[in-house]
């Protein structure tokens, strides 16, 4: 949830975002005297979504929990356990059918698993 002076209140979005997007968004909103950081920022500013200029700023979002990585696209979520840099278990869920992750469809959709697995580092 983001609230900023001058922005319309109550606007909602289904745009994907990651926690690393918060800092670049704050830089754009607060307009500090500096723009350059010592290290490159991996995040993307969400201001274009907040202003209604764009519907999304990223195609995929990553999240981590213990030894698992989740890759979320607009339509699917891939949850994969990673050991020694390799995927050892994967679960795929079609979020268009059911927002609850109930039915693992990874076995019947290897192409989607492979497509989303590319984002796991």
N, C-alpha and C. Protein backbone atom coordinates (compact mmCIF):
# COMPACT_ATOMS: atom_id res chain seq x y z
N UNK A 1 0.85 -1.16 0.00
CA UNK A 1 0.00 0.00 0.00
C UNK A 1 0.90 1.23 0.00
N UNK A 2 0.61 2.10 -0.93
CA UNK A 2 1.42 3.31 -1.05
C UNK A 2 0.47 4.51 -1.08
N UNK A 3 0.82 5.49 -0.30
CA UNK A 3 0.07 6.74 -0.29
C UNK A 3 1.06 7.87 -0.41
N UNK A 4 0.78 8.80 -1.31
CA UNK A 4 1.69 9.90 -1.54
C UNK A 4 0.89 11.18 -1.78
N UNK A 5 1.36 12.31 -1.26
CA UNK A 5 0.65 13.57 -1.51
C UNK A 5 0.48 13.83 -3.00
N UNK A 6 -0.69 14.29 -3.37
CA UNK A 6 -0.96 14.62 -4.76
C UNK A 6 -1.44 13.47 -5.60
N UNK A 7 -1.43 12.26 -5.06
CA UNK A 7 -1.90 11.11 -5.82
C UNK A 7 -3.35 10.82 -5.46
N UNK A 8 -4.06 10.34 -6.44
CA UNK A 8 -5.46 9.97 -6.23
C UNK A 8 -5.55 8.83 -5.22
N UNK A 9 -6.47 8.94 -4.28
CA UNK A 9 -6.65 7.91 -3.26
C UNK A 9 -7.58 6.81 -3.73
N UNK A 10 -7.38 5.63 -3.17
CA UNK A 10 -8.28 4.52 -3.43
C UNK A 10 -8.06 3.79 -4.73
N UNK A 11 -6.98 4.07 -5.43
CA UNK A 11 -6.69 3.41 -6.69
C UNK A 11 -6.12 2.03 -6.39
N UNK A 12 -6.60 1.02 -7.09
CA UNK A 12 -6.08 -0.33 -6.92
C UNK A 12 -5.47 -0.82 -8.23
N UNK A 13 -4.60 -1.80 -8.10
CA UNK A 13 -3.95 -2.36 -9.27
C UNK A 13 -3.63 -3.83 -9.03
N UNK A 14 -3.53 -4.58 -10.09
CA UNK A 14 -3.09 -5.97 -10.02
C UNK A 14 -1.65 -6.10 -10.51
N UNK A 15 -0.96 -4.97 -10.65
CA UNK A 15 0.41 -4.98 -11.14
C UNK A 15 1.32 -5.75 -10.19
N UNK A 16 2.22 -6.53 -10.76
CA UNK A 16 3.19 -7.28 -9.97
C UNK A 16 4.26 -6.34 -9.44
N UNK A 17 4.70 -6.58 -8.22
CA UNK A 17 5.74 -5.76 -7.61
C UNK A 17 6.55 -6.62 -6.66
N UNK A 18 7.77 -6.19 -6.41
CA UNK A 18 8.65 -6.86 -5.46
C UNK A 18 9.06 -5.85 -4.40
N UNK A 19 9.54 -6.33 -3.28
CA UNK A 19 9.98 -5.40 -2.23
C UNK A 19 11.14 -4.52 -2.71
N UNK A 20 11.94 -5.01 -3.64
CA UNK A 20 13.07 -4.21 -4.14
C UNK A 20 12.59 -3.02 -4.97
N UNK A 21 11.30 -2.97 -5.27
CA UNK A 21 10.74 -1.84 -6.02
C UNK A 21 10.41 -0.65 -5.11
N UNK A 22 10.41 -0.86 -3.81
CA UNK A 22 10.03 0.22 -2.88
C UNK A 22 11.01 1.38 -2.93
N UNK A 23 12.31 1.10 -2.86
CA UNK A 23 13.30 2.18 -2.84
C UNK A 23 13.27 3.04 -4.11
N UNK A 24 13.30 2.45 -5.31
CA UNK A 24 13.23 3.30 -6.50
C UNK A 24 11.91 4.10 -6.57
N UNK A 25 10.84 3.52 -6.05
CA UNK A 25 9.56 4.22 -6.02
C UNK A 25 9.65 5.42 -5.09
N UNK A 26 10.25 5.24 -3.92
CA UNK A 26 10.42 6.36 -2.98
C UNK A 26 11.31 7.45 -3.55
N UNK A 27 12.35 7.06 -4.27
CA UNK A 27 13.23 8.05 -4.91
C UNK A 27 12.41 8.90 -5.88
N UNK A 28 11.57 8.26 -6.69
CA UNK A 28 10.74 9.01 -7.65
C UNK A 28 9.71 9.89 -6.95
N UNK A 29 9.13 9.39 -5.88
CA UNK A 29 8.08 10.16 -5.18
C UNK A 29 8.65 11.31 -4.35
N UNK A 30 9.76 11.08 -3.69
CA UNK A 30 10.32 12.08 -2.76
C UNK A 30 11.23 13.09 -3.43
N UNK A 31 11.76 12.73 -4.59
CA UNK A 31 12.65 13.60 -5.36
C UNK A 31 13.78 14.21 -4.51
N UNK A 32 14.62 13.35 -3.91
CA UNK A 32 15.73 13.88 -3.11
C UNK A 32 16.75 14.57 -4.02
N UNK A 33 17.70 15.23 -3.40
CA UNK A 33 18.73 15.95 -4.15
C UNK A 33 19.67 15.03 -4.92
N UNK A 34 19.67 13.76 -4.59
CA UNK A 34 20.53 12.81 -5.30
C UNK A 34 19.66 11.86 -6.12
N UNK A 35 20.18 11.36 -7.19
CA UNK A 35 19.49 10.35 -8.00
C UNK A 35 20.35 9.11 -8.14
N UNK A 36 21.64 9.29 -8.02
CA UNK A 36 22.56 8.19 -8.24
C UNK A 36 22.87 7.50 -6.91
N UNK A 37 22.90 6.19 -6.94
CA UNK A 37 23.28 5.41 -5.77
C UNK A 37 24.62 4.74 -6.03
N UNK A 38 25.27 4.33 -4.96
CA UNK A 38 26.59 3.71 -5.10
C UNK A 38 26.50 2.41 -5.90
N UNK A 39 25.44 1.65 -5.68
CA UNK A 39 25.25 0.39 -6.39
C UNK A 39 24.01 0.49 -7.28
N UNK A 40 24.02 -0.26 -8.35
CA UNK A 40 22.88 -0.33 -9.26
C UNK A 40 21.66 -0.88 -8.52
N UNK A 41 20.50 -0.30 -8.76
CA UNK A 41 19.27 -0.77 -8.14
C UNK A 41 18.60 -1.79 -9.05
N UNK A 42 18.24 -2.94 -8.49
CA UNK A 42 17.54 -3.97 -9.26
C UNK A 42 16.04 -3.70 -9.33
N UNK A 43 15.54 -2.87 -8.43
CA UNK A 43 14.11 -2.58 -8.39
C UNK A 43 13.69 -1.63 -9.50
N UNK A 44 12.38 -1.54 -9.66
CA UNK A 44 11.77 -0.68 -10.68
C UNK A 44 10.78 0.24 -9.98
N UNK A 45 10.78 1.50 -10.34
CA UNK A 45 9.83 2.43 -9.75
C UNK A 45 8.40 2.07 -10.14
N UNK A 46 7.52 2.09 -9.15
CA UNK A 46 6.11 1.80 -9.38
C UNK A 46 5.30 3.06 -9.69
N UNK A 47 5.95 4.21 -9.76
CA UNK A 47 5.24 5.47 -10.00
C UNK A 47 4.41 5.46 -11.29
N UNK A 48 4.90 4.89 -12.40
CA UNK A 48 4.05 4.86 -13.60
C UNK A 48 2.73 4.10 -13.38
N UNK A 49 2.75 3.08 -12.53
CA UNK A 49 1.51 2.35 -12.22
C UNK A 49 0.64 3.21 -11.30
N UNK A 50 1.28 3.84 -10.31
CA UNK A 50 0.53 4.67 -9.36
C UNK A 50 -0.14 5.85 -10.05
N UNK A 51 0.51 6.40 -11.06
CA UNK A 51 -0.04 7.55 -11.80
C UNK A 51 -1.03 7.14 -12.88
N UNK A 52 -1.14 5.85 -13.13
CA UNK A 52 -2.03 5.37 -14.17
C UNK A 52 -1.45 5.45 -15.57
N UNK A 53 -0.14 5.74 -15.66
CA UNK A 53 0.52 5.82 -16.97
C UNK A 53 0.74 4.45 -17.58
N UNK A 54 0.95 3.43 -16.72
CA UNK A 54 1.19 2.06 -17.17
C UNK A 54 0.34 1.12 -16.34
N UNK A 55 0.03 -0.04 -16.91
CA UNK A 55 -0.70 -1.07 -16.18
C UNK A 55 0.25 -1.95 -15.36
N UNK A 56 1.51 -2.02 -15.77
CA UNK A 56 2.50 -2.83 -15.07
C UNK A 56 3.90 -2.32 -15.37
N UNK A 57 4.85 -2.66 -14.50
CA UNK A 57 6.25 -2.31 -14.73
C UNK A 57 7.14 -3.54 -14.79
N UNK A 58 6.58 -4.69 -14.46
CA UNK A 58 7.35 -5.94 -14.56
C UNK A 58 6.42 -7.07 -14.95
N UNK A 59 6.99 -8.05 -15.66
CA UNK A 59 6.24 -9.21 -16.13
C UNK A 59 6.22 -10.33 -15.09
N UNK A 60 7.24 -10.36 -14.22
CA UNK A 60 7.37 -11.43 -13.23
C UNK A 60 7.83 -10.84 -11.91
N UNK A 61 7.46 -11.51 -10.83
CA UNK A 61 7.91 -11.10 -9.50
C UNK A 61 8.41 -12.32 -8.75
N UNK A 62 9.52 -12.15 -8.05
CA UNK A 62 10.13 -13.23 -7.29
C UNK A 62 9.89 -13.03 -5.80
N UNK A 63 9.75 -14.14 -5.09
CA UNK A 63 9.73 -14.10 -3.64
C UNK A 63 10.42 -15.36 -3.14
N UNK A 64 10.88 -15.29 -1.91
CA UNK A 64 11.68 -16.38 -1.35
C UNK A 64 11.12 -16.78 0.01
N UNK A 65 11.17 -18.07 0.30
CA UNK A 65 10.83 -18.58 1.62
C UNK A 65 11.64 -19.83 1.87
N UNK A 66 12.50 -19.76 2.86
CA UNK A 66 13.44 -20.85 3.18
C UNK A 66 14.20 -21.28 1.94
N UNK A 67 14.05 -22.52 1.51
CA UNK A 67 14.80 -23.01 0.35
C UNK A 67 13.95 -23.02 -0.92
N UNK A 68 12.87 -22.26 -0.92
CA UNK A 68 11.98 -22.22 -2.08
C UNK A 68 11.96 -20.82 -2.69
N UNK A 69 11.75 -20.81 -3.99
CA UNK A 69 11.62 -19.56 -4.74
C UNK A 69 10.28 -19.60 -5.46
N UNK A 70 9.59 -18.49 -5.46
CA UNK A 70 8.32 -18.39 -6.17
C UNK A 70 8.48 -17.37 -7.28
N UNK A 71 8.07 -17.75 -8.48
CA UNK A 71 8.05 -16.85 -9.62
C UNK A 71 6.59 -16.65 -9.99
N UNK A 72 6.15 -15.41 -9.95
CA UNK A 72 4.75 -15.09 -10.21
C UNK A 72 4.66 -14.32 -11.51
N UNK A 73 3.81 -14.80 -12.41
CA UNK A 73 3.48 -14.04 -13.62
C UNK A 73 2.03 -13.61 -13.48
N UNK A 74 1.51 -12.96 -14.47
CA UNK A 74 0.11 -12.53 -14.41
C UNK A 74 -0.84 -13.71 -14.26
N UNK A 75 -0.47 -14.84 -14.86
CA UNK A 75 -1.40 -15.97 -14.88
C UNK A 75 -0.98 -17.18 -14.06
N UNK A 76 0.31 -17.31 -13.74
CA UNK A 76 0.79 -18.52 -13.08
C UNK A 76 1.75 -18.21 -11.93
N UNK A 77 1.90 -19.18 -11.04
CA UNK A 77 2.91 -19.13 -9.99
C UNK A 77 3.67 -20.46 -10.02
N UNK A 78 4.99 -20.35 -10.11
CA UNK A 78 5.87 -21.51 -10.01
C UNK A 78 6.57 -21.43 -8.67
N UNK A 79 6.45 -22.48 -7.87
CA UNK A 79 7.15 -22.58 -6.60
C UNK A 79 8.14 -23.71 -6.75
N UNK A 80 9.40 -23.41 -6.53
CA UNK A 80 10.44 -24.42 -6.73
C UNK A 80 11.38 -24.45 -5.54
N UNK A 81 11.68 -25.64 -5.10
CA UNK A 81 12.72 -25.80 -4.08
C UNK A 81 14.04 -25.86 -4.81
N UNK A 82 15.01 -25.16 -4.27
CA UNK A 82 16.31 -25.06 -4.91
C UNK A 82 17.38 -25.58 -3.95
N UNK A 83 18.22 -26.46 -4.45
CA UNK A 83 19.33 -26.99 -3.65
C UNK A 83 20.58 -26.97 -4.51
N UNK A 84 21.63 -26.37 -3.98
CA UNK A 84 22.90 -26.25 -4.71
C UNK A 84 22.70 -25.61 -6.09
N UNK A 85 21.82 -24.63 -6.16
CA UNK A 85 21.58 -23.91 -7.40
C UNK A 85 20.72 -24.63 -8.42
N UNK A 86 20.16 -25.78 -8.05
CA UNK A 86 19.33 -26.54 -9.00
C UNK A 86 17.93 -26.73 -8.44
N UNK A 87 16.96 -26.70 -9.34
CA UNK A 87 15.58 -26.96 -8.95
C UNK A 87 15.41 -28.44 -8.67
N UNK A 88 14.95 -28.77 -7.46
CA UNK A 88 14.77 -30.18 -7.13
C UNK A 88 13.30 -30.56 -7.02
N UNK A 89 12.44 -29.59 -6.94
CA UNK A 89 11.01 -29.85 -6.85
C UNK A 89 10.29 -28.61 -7.37
N UNK A 90 9.23 -28.81 -8.12
CA UNK A 90 8.49 -27.64 -8.61
C UNK A 90 6.99 -27.88 -8.55
N UNK A 91 6.30 -26.81 -8.28
CA UNK A 91 4.84 -26.82 -8.27
C UNK A 91 4.39 -25.64 -9.12
N UNK A 92 3.40 -25.87 -9.97
CA UNK A 92 2.88 -24.82 -10.84
C UNK A 92 1.39 -24.68 -10.61
N UNK A 93 0.95 -23.44 -10.49
CA UNK A 93 -0.46 -23.18 -10.25
C UNK A 93 -0.97 -22.17 -11.27
N UNK A 94 -2.14 -22.44 -11.83
CA UNK A 94 -2.80 -21.53 -12.77
C UNK A 94 -3.71 -20.62 -11.95
N UNK A 95 -3.32 -19.37 -11.82
CA UNK A 95 -4.06 -18.43 -10.99
C UNK A 95 -5.28 -17.86 -11.68
N UNK A 96 -5.42 -18.13 -12.97
CA UNK A 96 -6.63 -17.70 -13.68
C UNK A 96 -7.80 -18.59 -13.29
N UNK A 97 -7.50 -19.85 -12.98
CA UNK A 97 -8.53 -20.82 -12.62
C UNK A 97 -8.92 -20.69 -11.15
N UNK A 98 -7.91 -20.53 -10.29
CA UNK A 98 -8.16 -20.48 -8.85
C UNK A 98 -7.02 -19.72 -8.20
N UNK A 99 -7.32 -18.67 -7.48
CA UNK A 99 -6.27 -17.87 -6.83
C UNK A 99 -5.60 -18.66 -5.70
N UNK A 100 -6.32 -19.63 -5.13
CA UNK A 100 -5.73 -20.50 -4.11
C UNK A 100 -4.87 -21.55 -4.80
N UNK A 101 -3.69 -21.76 -4.26
CA UNK A 101 -2.77 -22.72 -4.85
C UNK A 101 -3.14 -24.12 -4.36
N UNK A 102 -4.04 -24.75 -5.10
CA UNK A 102 -4.57 -26.05 -4.70
C UNK A 102 -4.09 -27.17 -5.61
N UNK A 103 -4.25 -27.01 -6.91
CA UNK A 103 -3.93 -28.08 -7.85
C UNK A 103 -2.60 -27.82 -8.55
N UNK A 104 -1.63 -28.68 -8.28
CA UNK A 104 -0.32 -28.58 -8.91
C UNK A 104 -0.41 -29.11 -10.34
N UNK A 105 -0.18 -28.25 -11.31
CA UNK A 105 -0.29 -28.63 -12.72
C UNK A 105 1.08 -28.67 -13.41
N UNK A 106 2.15 -28.76 -12.63
CA UNK A 106 3.50 -28.75 -13.20
C UNK A 106 3.72 -29.91 -14.16
N UNK A 107 3.24 -31.10 -13.81
CA UNK A 107 3.47 -32.27 -14.64
C UNK A 107 2.84 -32.18 -16.01
N UNK A 108 1.73 -31.50 -16.12
CA UNK A 108 1.04 -31.39 -17.41
C UNK A 108 1.38 -30.11 -18.17
N UNK A 109 2.26 -29.28 -17.63
CA UNK A 109 2.63 -28.01 -18.27
C UNK A 109 4.14 -27.76 -18.21
N UNK A 110 4.95 -28.67 -18.74
CA UNK A 110 6.41 -28.49 -18.64
C UNK A 110 6.92 -27.24 -19.36
N UNK A 111 6.21 -26.80 -20.39
CA UNK A 111 6.64 -25.59 -21.11
C UNK A 111 6.51 -24.35 -20.25
N UNK A 112 5.45 -24.24 -19.48
CA UNK A 112 5.27 -23.09 -18.59
C UNK A 112 6.26 -23.16 -17.44
N UNK A 113 6.50 -24.37 -16.92
CA UNK A 113 7.50 -24.54 -15.86
C UNK A 113 8.87 -24.08 -16.36
N UNK A 114 9.25 -24.50 -17.55
CA UNK A 114 10.55 -24.11 -18.12
C UNK A 114 10.64 -22.61 -18.34
N UNK A 115 9.56 -22.02 -18.81
CA UNK A 115 9.54 -20.57 -19.06
C UNK A 115 9.74 -19.79 -17.77
N UNK A 116 9.03 -20.16 -16.70
CA UNK A 116 9.15 -19.45 -15.43
C UNK A 116 10.44 -19.81 -14.69
N UNK A 117 10.94 -21.02 -14.88
CA UNK A 117 12.17 -21.45 -14.20
C UNK A 117 13.37 -20.63 -14.64
N UNK A 118 13.32 -20.01 -15.80
CA UNK A 118 14.43 -19.17 -16.28
C UNK A 118 14.70 -18.00 -15.35
N UNK A 119 13.70 -17.60 -14.56
CA UNK A 119 13.85 -16.44 -13.69
C UNK A 119 14.42 -16.81 -12.32
N UNK A 120 14.57 -18.11 -12.06
CA UNK A 120 15.16 -18.54 -10.80
C UNK A 120 16.66 -18.54 -10.95
N UNK A 121 17.31 -17.79 -10.09
CA UNK A 121 18.78 -17.63 -10.19
C UNK A 121 19.47 -18.56 -9.24
